[in-house]
């Protein structure tokens, strides 16, 4: 059974400043920027074997986030489990060594974003998973699918705690600078095992696009002008 801890997350949408309230499972470590301007939010629990998988909950006005299980050979060597050790809806990534098929597979997450070239982007990922020998999977970002970026930006592990029998809840973060592609219109987030299989139970992805200081000043002046008119 997935975590019984629930949290209420407030997110402010840029267009129209609409306020939305979402309730999700396994939301144990929300992004520190949640609810600020230029943010997105999307969560997957993988309750079915749908591939591609659309988010169970999303606050993203820029497009439709989606998860795909992909293989780098002729087959997609992945397996979906209805239950595993009390967790419901689990994808096994990199099934090759168990099926006799050589190769690896990835979980690839597509996140559309603010179509403005701001200098920085924050990405925050919460992942519930099991890996052999307690390992932690690689989580890395490909801005706009550009594999020419070297080195590929890897997300840093912020926190890792137990979440049920054998499973862990891990939090990853990264800040993309102009050298990494800055604020691309969209990015791929890849989850790949470290020489083993990874059982993925849920994923939450949040992003924030950070504008130039001048843009922030102009936004503040605009808000002040509106208040004076009111």
C-alpha atoms as a PDB file:
ATOM      1  CA  UNK A   1       0.000   0.000   0.000  1.00  0.00           C
ATOM      2  CA  UNK A   2       1.313   3.388  -0.888  1.00  0.00           C
ATOM      3  CA  UNK A   3       2.099   5.872   1.828  1.00  0.00           C
ATOM      4  CA  UNK A   4      -0.936   6.933   3.832  1.00  0.00           C
ATOM      5  CA  UNK A   5       0.536  10.369   4.392  1.00  0.00           C
ATOM      6  CA  UNK A   6      -1.269  12.997   2.394  1.00  0.00           C
ATOM      7  CA  UNK A   7      -0.483  16.681   1.991  1.00  0.00           C
ATOM      8  CA  UNK A   8      -2.411  19.656   0.703  1.00  0.00           C
ATOM      9  CA  UNK A   9      -0.408  21.538  -1.928  1.00  0.00           C
ATOM     10  CA  UNK A  10      -1.244  25.065  -3.015  1.00  0.00           C
ATOM     11  CA  UNK A  11      -0.098  26.151  -6.478  1.00  0.00           C
ATOM     12  CA  UNK A  12      -0.562  29.562  -8.083  1.00  0.00           C
ATOM     13  CA  UNK A  13      -0.983  29.552 -11.860  1.00  0.00           C
ATOM     14  CA  UNK A  14       0.598  32.513 -13.671  1.00  0.00           C
ATOM     15  CA  UNK A  15      -2.211  33.090 -16.137  1.00  0.00           C
ATOM     16  CA  UNK A  16      -5.044  34.711 -14.240  1.00  0.00           C
ATOM     17  CA  UNK A  17      -3.383  33.893 -10.904  1.00  0.00           C
ATOM     18  CA  UNK A  18      -5.814  31.000 -10.460  1.00  0.00           C
ATOM     19  CA  UNK A  19      -5.475  29.122  -7.172  1.00  0.00           C
ATOM     20  CA  UNK A  20      -5.606  25.306  -7.244  1.00  0.00           C
ATOM     21  CA  UNK A  21      -5.551  22.780  -4.401  1.00  0.00           C
ATOM     22  CA  UNK A  22      -4.287  19.233  -4.946  1.00  0.00           C
ATOM     23  CA  UNK A  23      -4.055  16.187  -2.699  1.00  0.00           C
ATOM     24  CA  UNK A  24      -1.454  13.547  -3.528  1.00  0.00           C
ATOM     25  CA  UNK A  25       0.132  10.435  -2.071  1.00  0.00           C
ATOM     26  CA  UNK A  26       3.828  10.169  -1.202  1.00  0.00           C
ATOM     27  CA  UNK A  27       4.167  13.967  -1.204  1.00  0.00           C
ATOM     28  CA  UNK A  28       6.550  13.923   1.745  1.00  0.00           C
ATOM     29  CA  UNK A  29       8.992  16.639   0.691  1.00  0.00           C
ATOM     30  CA  UNK A  30       7.355  19.373  -1.438  1.00  0.00           C
ATOM     31  CA  UNK A  31       9.564  21.718  -3.426  1.00  0.00           C
ATOM     32  CA  UNK A  32      10.495  24.864  -1.442  1.00  0.00           C
ATOM     33  CA  UNK A  33       9.263  26.974  -4.367  1.00  0.00           C
ATOM     34  CA  UNK A  34       5.833  25.351  -4.661  1.00  0.00           C
ATOM     35  CA  UNK A  35       3.114  27.893  -5.326  1.00  0.00           C
ATOM     36  CA  UNK A  36       5.450  30.628  -6.586  1.00  0.00           C
ATOM     37  CA  UNK A  37       5.271  32.206 -10.032  1.00  0.00           C
ATOM     38  CA  UNK A  38       6.614  30.221 -12.976  1.00  0.00           C
ATOM     39  CA  UNK A  39       6.143  26.801 -11.358  1.00  0.00           C
ATOM     40  CA  UNK A  40       4.707  23.492 -12.560  1.00  0.00           C
ATOM     41  CA  UNK A  41       3.579  20.397 -10.669  1.00  0.00           C
ATOM     42  CA  UNK A  42       2.852  16.838 -11.897  1.00  0.00           C
ATOM     43  CA  UNK A  43       2.479  13.462 -10.154  1.00  0.00           C
ATOM     44  CA  UNK A  44       2.233   9.806 -11.247  1.00  0.00           C
ATOM     45  CA  UNK A  45       1.223   6.757  -9.170  1.00  0.00           C
ATOM     46  CA  UNK A  46       1.250   4.192 -12.040  1.00  0.00           C
ATOM     47  CA  UNK A  47      -1.999   2.492 -11.053  1.00  0.00           C
ATOM     48  CA  UNK A  48      -2.179   0.942 -14.557  1.00  0.00           C
ATOM     49  CA  UNK A  49       0.350  -0.304 -17.118  1.00  0.00           C
ATOM     50  CA  UNK A  50      -0.410   2.580 -19.500  1.00  0.00           C
ATOM     51  CA  UNK A  51       2.662   3.524 -21.534  1.00  0.00           C
ATOM     52  CA  UNK A  52       2.843   6.445 -22.107  1.00  0.00           C
ATOM     53  CA  UNK A  53       1.379   7.397 -18.725  1.00  0.00           C
ATOM     54  CA  UNK A  54      -0.303  10.751 -18.201  1.00  0.00           C
ATOM     55  CA  UNK A  55      -0.082  12.463 -14.822  1.00  0.00           C
ATOM     56  CA  UNK A  56      -2.667  11.604 -12.173  1.00  0.00           C
ATOM     57  CA  UNK A  57      -2.525  15.233 -11.074  1.00  0.00           C
ATOM     58  CA  UNK A  58      -0.926  18.153 -12.902  1.00  0.00           C
ATOM     59  CA  UNK A  59      -0.758  21.917 -12.618  1.00  0.00           C
ATOM     60  CA  UNK A  60       0.993  22.863 -15.824  1.00  0.00           C
ATOM     61  CA  UNK A  61      -0.495  25.427 -18.185  1.00  0.00           C
ATOM     62  CA  UNK A  62       2.255  24.976 -20.770  1.00  0.00           C
ATOM     63  CA  UNK A  63       1.415  21.480 -22.029  1.00  0.00           C
ATOM     64  CA  UNK A  64       0.806  17.865 -21.055  1.00  0.00           C
ATOM     65  CA  UNK A  65       3.489  16.116 -18.983  1.00  0.00           C
ATOM     66  CA  UNK A  66       3.913  12.418 -19.721  1.00  0.00           C
ATOM     67  CA  UNK A  67       5.994   9.412 -18.600  1.00  0.00           C
ATOM     68  CA  UNK A  68       7.282   6.819 -21.069  1.00  0.00           C
ATOM     69  CA  UNK A  69       9.076   3.531 -20.491  1.00  0.00           C
ATOM     70  CA  UNK A  70      11.703   3.234 -23.217  1.00  0.00           C
ATOM     71  CA  UNK A  71      14.369   0.692 -24.183  1.00  0.00           C
ATOM     72  CA  UNK A  72      17.572   1.376 -26.056  1.00  0.00           C
ATOM     73  CA  UNK A  73      17.456  -1.843 -28.091  1.00  0.00           C
ATOM     74  CA  UNK A  74      14.762  -3.547 -30.209  1.00  0.00           C
ATOM     75  CA  UNK A  75      12.416  -4.088 -27.281  1.00  0.00           C
ATOM     76  CA  UNK A  76      11.273  -2.150 -24.284  1.00  0.00           C
ATOM     77  CA  UNK A  77      12.561  -4.380 -21.504  1.00  0.00           C
ATOM     78  CA  UNK A  78      10.279  -3.170 -18.747  1.00  0.00           C
ATOM     79  CA  UNK A  79       7.624  -4.863 -16.633  1.00  0.00           C
ATOM     80  CA  UNK A  80       4.661  -3.399 -14.744  1.00  0.00           C
ATOM     81  CA  UNK A  81       3.460  -5.034 -11.501  1.00  0.00           C
ATOM     82  CA  UNK A  82       0.010  -4.565 -10.011  1.00  0.00           C
ATOM     83  CA  UNK A  83       1.488  -4.944  -6.516  1.00  0.00           C
ATOM     84  CA  UNK A  84       4.931  -5.427  -5.011  1.00  0.00           C
ATOM     85  CA  UNK A  85       5.731  -5.729  -1.304  1.00  0.00           C
ATOM     86  CA  UNK A  86       2.595  -3.786  -0.417  1.00  0.00           C
ATOM     87  CA  UNK A  87       3.127  -1.069  -3.054  1.00  0.00           C
ATOM     88  CA  UNK A  88       0.437  -0.703  -5.713  1.00  0.00           C
ATOM     89  CA  UNK A  89       1.370  -0.018  -9.330  1.00  0.00           C
ATOM     90  CA  UNK A  90       5.111  -0.483  -9.882  1.00  0.00           C
ATOM     91  CA  UNK A  91       7.295  -0.254 -12.992  1.00  0.00           C
ATOM     92  CA  UNK A  92      10.484  -2.337 -13.092  1.00  0.00           C
ATOM     93  CA  UNK A  93      13.142  -0.453 -15.017  1.00  0.00           C
ATOM     94  CA  UNK A  94      16.027  -2.406 -16.626  1.00  0.00           C
ATOM     95  CA  UNK A  95      14.513  -5.858 -16.645  1.00  0.00           C
ATOM     96  CA  UNK A  96      17.194  -7.215 -19.011  1.00  0.00           C
ATOM     97  CA  UNK A  97      19.112  -9.451 -16.619  1.00  0.00           C
ATOM     98  CA  UNK A  98      15.915 -11.218 -15.533  1.00  0.00           C
ATOM     99  CA  UNK A  99      14.506 -11.908 -19.010  1.00  0.00           C
ATOM    100  CA  UNK A 100      17.732 -12.797 -20.794  1.00  0.00           C
ATOM    101  CA  UNK A 101      17.406  -9.709 -23.010  1.00  0.00           C
ATOM    102  CA  UNK A 102      20.617  -7.687 -22.925  1.00  0.00           C
ATOM    103  CA  UNK A 103      20.272  -3.953 -22.587  1.00  0.00           C
ATOM    104  CA  UNK A 104      18.802  -1.292 -20.381  1.00  0.00           C
ATOM    105  CA  UNK A 105      15.579   0.640 -20.148  1.00  0.00           C
ATOM    106  CA  UNK A 106      14.728   4.054 -18.774  1.00  0.00           C
ATOM    107  CA  UNK A 107      11.793   5.894 -17.342  1.00  0.00           C
ATOM    108  CA  UNK A 108      11.619   9.133 -19.345  1.00  0.00           C
ATOM    109  CA  UNK A 109       9.521  12.056 -18.117  1.00  0.00           C
ATOM    110  CA  UNK A 110       8.536  14.885 -20.468  1.00  0.00           C
ATOM    111  CA  UNK A 111       7.912  18.233 -18.749  1.00  0.00           C
ATOM    112  CA  UNK A 112       6.704  21.244 -20.797  1.00  0.00           C
ATOM    113  CA  UNK A 113       7.592  24.601 -19.330  1.00  0.00           C
ATOM    114  CA  UNK A 114       7.562  28.397 -19.540  1.00  0.00           C
ATOM    115  CA  UNK A 115       8.386  29.316 -23.185  1.00  0.00           C
ATOM    116  CA  UNK A 116      10.545  32.282 -22.148  1.00  0.00           C
ATOM    117  CA  UNK A 117      14.344  32.226 -22.028  1.00  0.00           C
ATOM    118  CA  UNK A 118      14.894  32.899 -18.339  1.00  0.00           C
ATOM    119  CA  UNK A 119      18.435  32.312 -17.010  1.00  0.00           C
ATOM    120  CA  UNK A 120      17.703  29.627 -14.402  1.00  0.00           C
ATOM    121  CA  UNK A 121      15.425  26.661 -13.829  1.00  0.00           C
ATOM    122  CA  UNK A 122      14.910  24.678 -10.621  1.00  0.00           C
ATOM    123  CA  UNK A 123      13.774  21.049 -10.860  1.00  0.00           C
ATOM    124  CA  UNK A 124      12.606  19.045  -7.835  1.00  0.00           C
ATOM    125  CA  UNK A 125      11.784  15.306  -8.008  1.00  0.00           C
ATOM    126  CA  UNK A 126      10.251  13.033  -5.378  1.00  0.00           C
ATOM    127  CA  UNK A 127      10.657   9.316  -6.132  1.00  0.00           C
ATOM    128  CA  UNK A 128       9.379   6.231  -4.300  1.00  0.00           C
ATOM    129  CA  UNK A 129      11.396   3.193  -5.378  1.00  0.00           C
ATOM    130  CA  UNK A 130      13.152  -0.043  -4.483  1.00  0.00           C
ATOM    131  CA  UNK A 131      16.642  -0.876  -5.773  1.00  0.00           C
ATOM    132  CA  UNK A 132      18.789  -3.913  -5.122  1.00  0.00           C
ATOM    133  CA  UNK A 133      21.244  -3.573  -2.235  1.00  0.00           C
ATOM    134  CA  UNK A 134      19.685  -0.259  -1.240  1.00  0.00           C
ATOM    135  CA  UNK A 135      21.139   1.603  -4.195  1.00  0.00           C
ATOM    136  CA  UNK A 136      19.889   4.930  -5.559  1.00  0.00           C
ATOM    137  CA  UNK A 137      19.050   5.346  -9.266  1.00  0.00           C
ATOM    138  CA  UNK A 138      20.579   7.958 -11.532  1.00  0.00           C
ATOM    139  CA  UNK A 139      18.246  10.876 -12.233  1.00  0.00           C
ATOM    140  CA  UNK A 140      19.384  13.269 -14.931  1.00  0.00           C
ATOM    141  CA  UNK A 141      17.986  16.030 -17.139  1.00  0.00           C
ATOM    142  CA  UNK A 142      18.191  16.526 -20.910  1.00  0.00           C
ATOM    143  CA  UNK A 143      17.065  20.091 -21.765  1.00  0.00           C
ATOM    144  CA  UNK A 144      14.889  19.945 -24.908  1.00  0.00           C
ATOM    145  CA  UNK A 145      16.195  16.424 -25.578  1.00  0.00           C
ATOM    146  CA  UNK A 146      19.639  17.805 -26.455  1.00  0.00           C
ATOM    147  CA  UNK A 147      22.079  14.953 -25.817  1.00  0.00           C
ATOM    148  CA  UNK A 148      24.964  17.109 -27.111  1.00  0.00           C
ATOM    149  CA  UNK A 149      25.131  18.846 -23.729  1.00  0.00           C
ATOM    150  CA  UNK A 150      28.253  17.596 -21.941  1.00  0.00           C
ATOM    151  CA  UNK A 151      28.275  16.594 -19.211  1.00  0.00           C
ATOM    152  CA  UNK A 152      24.622  15.625 -18.895  1.00  0.00           C
ATOM    153  CA  UNK A 153      23.186  17.445 -15.837  1.00  0.00           C
ATOM    154  CA  UNK A 154      22.637  14.901 -13.041  1.00  0.00           C
ATOM    155  CA  UNK A 155      20.256  15.694 -10.218  1.00  0.00           C
ATOM    156  CA  UNK A 156      21.639  15.707  -6.682  1.00  0.00           C
ATOM    157  CA  UNK A 157      20.187  13.542  -3.926  1.00  0.00           C
ATOM    158  CA  UNK A 158      18.682  15.835  -1.273  1.00  0.00           C
ATOM    159  CA  UNK A 159      17.100  13.296   1.064  1.00  0.00           C
ATOM    160  CA  UNK A 160      16.471   9.543   1.260  1.00  0.00           C
ATOM    161  CA  UNK A 161      14.202   7.887   3.857  1.00  0.00           C
ATOM    162  CA  UNK A 162      12.525   4.512   4.232  1.00  0.00           C
ATOM    163  CA  UNK A 163       8.972   4.286   2.879  1.00  0.00           C
ATOM    164  CA  UNK A 164       7.559   0.877   3.713  1.00  0.00           C
ATOM    165  CA  UNK A 165       9.290  -2.483   3.489  1.00  0.00           C
ATOM    166  CA  UNK A 166      12.343  -2.292   1.201  1.00  0.00           C
ATOM    167  CA  UNK A 167      11.117   0.889  -0.499  1.00  0.00           C
ATOM    168  CA  UNK A 168      12.599   4.373  -0.159  1.00  0.00           C
ATOM    169  CA  UNK A 169      11.370   7.916  -0.674  1.00  0.00           C
ATOM    170  CA  UNK A 170      14.129   9.997  -2.288  1.00  0.00           C
ATOM    171  CA  UNK A 171      14.227  13.673  -3.198  1.00  0.00           C
ATOM    172  CA  UNK A 172      16.440  15.040  -5.981  1.00  0.00           C
ATOM    173  CA  UNK A 173      17.092  18.603  -7.116  1.00  0.00           C
ATOM    174  CA  UNK A 174      19.034  20.530  -9.740  1.00  0.00           C
ATOM    175  CA  UNK A 175      19.404  24.090 -10.955  1.00  0.00           C
ATOM    176  CA  UNK A 176      19.937  24.466 -14.694  1.00  0.00           C
ATOM    177  CA  UNK A 177      22.156  27.424 -15.558  1.00  0.00           C
ATOM    178  CA  UNK A 178      22.696  29.043 -18.936  1.00  0.00           C
ATOM    179  CA  UNK A 179      25.560  26.584 -19.564  1.00  0.00           C
ATOM    180  CA  UNK A 180      23.127  23.698 -19.069  1.00  0.00           C
ATOM    181  CA  UNK A 181      20.533  25.197 -21.370  1.00  0.00           C
ATOM    182  CA  UNK A 182      19.159  27.726 -18.889  1.00  0.00           C
ATOM    183  CA  UNK A 183      15.381  27.691 -19.080  1.00  0.00           C
ATOM    184  CA  UNK A 184      14.445  25.395 -21.979  1.00  0.00           C
ATOM    185  CA  UNK A 185      10.853  25.233 -23.224  1.00  0.00           C
ATOM    186  CA  UNK A 186      10.782  21.602 -22.104  1.00  0.00           C
ATOM    187  CA  UNK A 187      13.044  18.919 -20.689  1.00  0.00           C
ATOM    188  CA  UNK A 188      13.340  15.164 -20.368  1.00  0.00           C
ATOM    189  CA  UNK A 189      14.011  13.734 -16.928  1.00  0.00           C
ATOM    190  CA  UNK A 190      15.522  10.245 -17.100  1.00  0.00           C
ATOM    191  CA  UNK A 191      15.485   7.691 -14.282  1.00  0.00           C
ATOM    192  CA  UNK A 192      18.011   4.885 -14.826  1.00  0.00           C
ATOM    193  CA  UNK A 193      19.216   2.113 -12.501  1.00  0.00           C
ATOM    194  CA  UNK A 194      22.806   1.780 -11.346  1.00  0.00           C
ATOM    195  CA  UNK A 195      23.724  -1.728 -12.616  1.00  0.00           C
ATOM    196  CA  UNK A 196      20.530  -3.276 -11.262  1.00  0.00           C
ATOM    197  CA  UNK A 197      16.757  -3.130 -11.485  1.00  0.00           C
ATOM    198  CA  UNK A 198      14.758  -0.267  -9.991  1.00  0.00           C
ATOM    199  CA  UNK A 199      11.122  -0.735  -8.961  1.00  0.00           C
ATOM    200  CA  UNK A 200       9.410   2.664  -9.326  1.00  0.00           C
ATOM    201  CA  UNK A 201       6.190   3.195  -7.373  1.00  0.00           C
ATOM    202  CA  UNK A 202       5.527   6.932  -7.814  1.00  0.00           C
ATOM    203  CA  UNK A 203       7.082  10.138  -9.124  1.00  0.00           C
ATOM    204  CA  UNK A 204       6.372  13.811  -8.417  1.00  0.00           C
ATOM    205  CA  UNK A 205       8.095  16.500 -10.497  1.00  0.00           C
ATOM    206  CA  UNK A 206       8.064  20.237  -9.821  1.00  0.00           C
ATOM    207  CA  UNK A 207       9.823  22.994 -11.745  1.00  0.00           C
ATOM    208  CA  UNK A 208      10.364  26.716 -11.391  1.00  0.00           C
ATOM    209  CA  UNK A 209      11.580  29.066 -14.125  1.00  0.00           C
ATOM    210  CA  UNK A 210      13.437  32.019 -12.631  1.00  0.00           C
ATOM    211  CA  UNK A 211      13.383  35.277 -14.636  1.00  0.00           C
ATOM    212  CA  UNK A 212      16.022  38.013 -14.753  1.00  0.00           C
ATOM    213  CA  UNK A 213      16.055  40.343 -11.693  1.00  0.00           C
ATOM    214  CA  UNK A 214      14.793  43.136 -13.951  1.00  0.00           C
ATOM    215  CA  UNK A 215      11.775  41.031 -14.901  1.00  0.00           C
ATOM    216  CA  UNK A 216      11.020  40.403 -11.227  1.00  0.00           C
ATOM    217  CA  UNK A 217      11.212  44.148 -10.586  1.00  0.00           C
ATOM    218  CA  UNK A 218       8.823  44.874 -13.434  1.00  0.00           C
ATOM    219  CA  UNK A 219       6.391  42.255 -12.116  1.00  0.00           C
ATOM    220  CA  UNK A 220       6.528  43.899  -8.699  1.00  0.00           C
ATOM    221  CA  UNK A 221       5.918  47.340 -10.157  1.00  0.00           C
ATOM    222  CA  UNK A 222       2.987  45.964 -12.154  1.00  0.00           C
ATOM    223  CA  UNK A 223       1.427  44.567  -9.001  1.00  0.00           C
ATOM    224  CA  UNK A 224       1.953  47.864  -7.185  1.00  0.00           C
ATOM    225  CA  UNK A 225       0.302  49.734 -10.060  1.00  0.00           C
ATOM    226  CA  UNK A 226      -2.726  47.428  -9.940  1.00  0.00           C
ATOM    227  CA  UNK A 227      -3.086  47.928  -6.181  1.00  0.00           C
ATOM    228  CA  UNK A 228      -2.989  51.701  -6.586  1.00  0.00           C
ATOM    229  CA  UNK A 229      -5.644  51.544  -9.267  1.00  0.00           C
ATOM    230  CA  UNK A 230      -7.783  49.450  -6.968  1.00  0.00           C
END
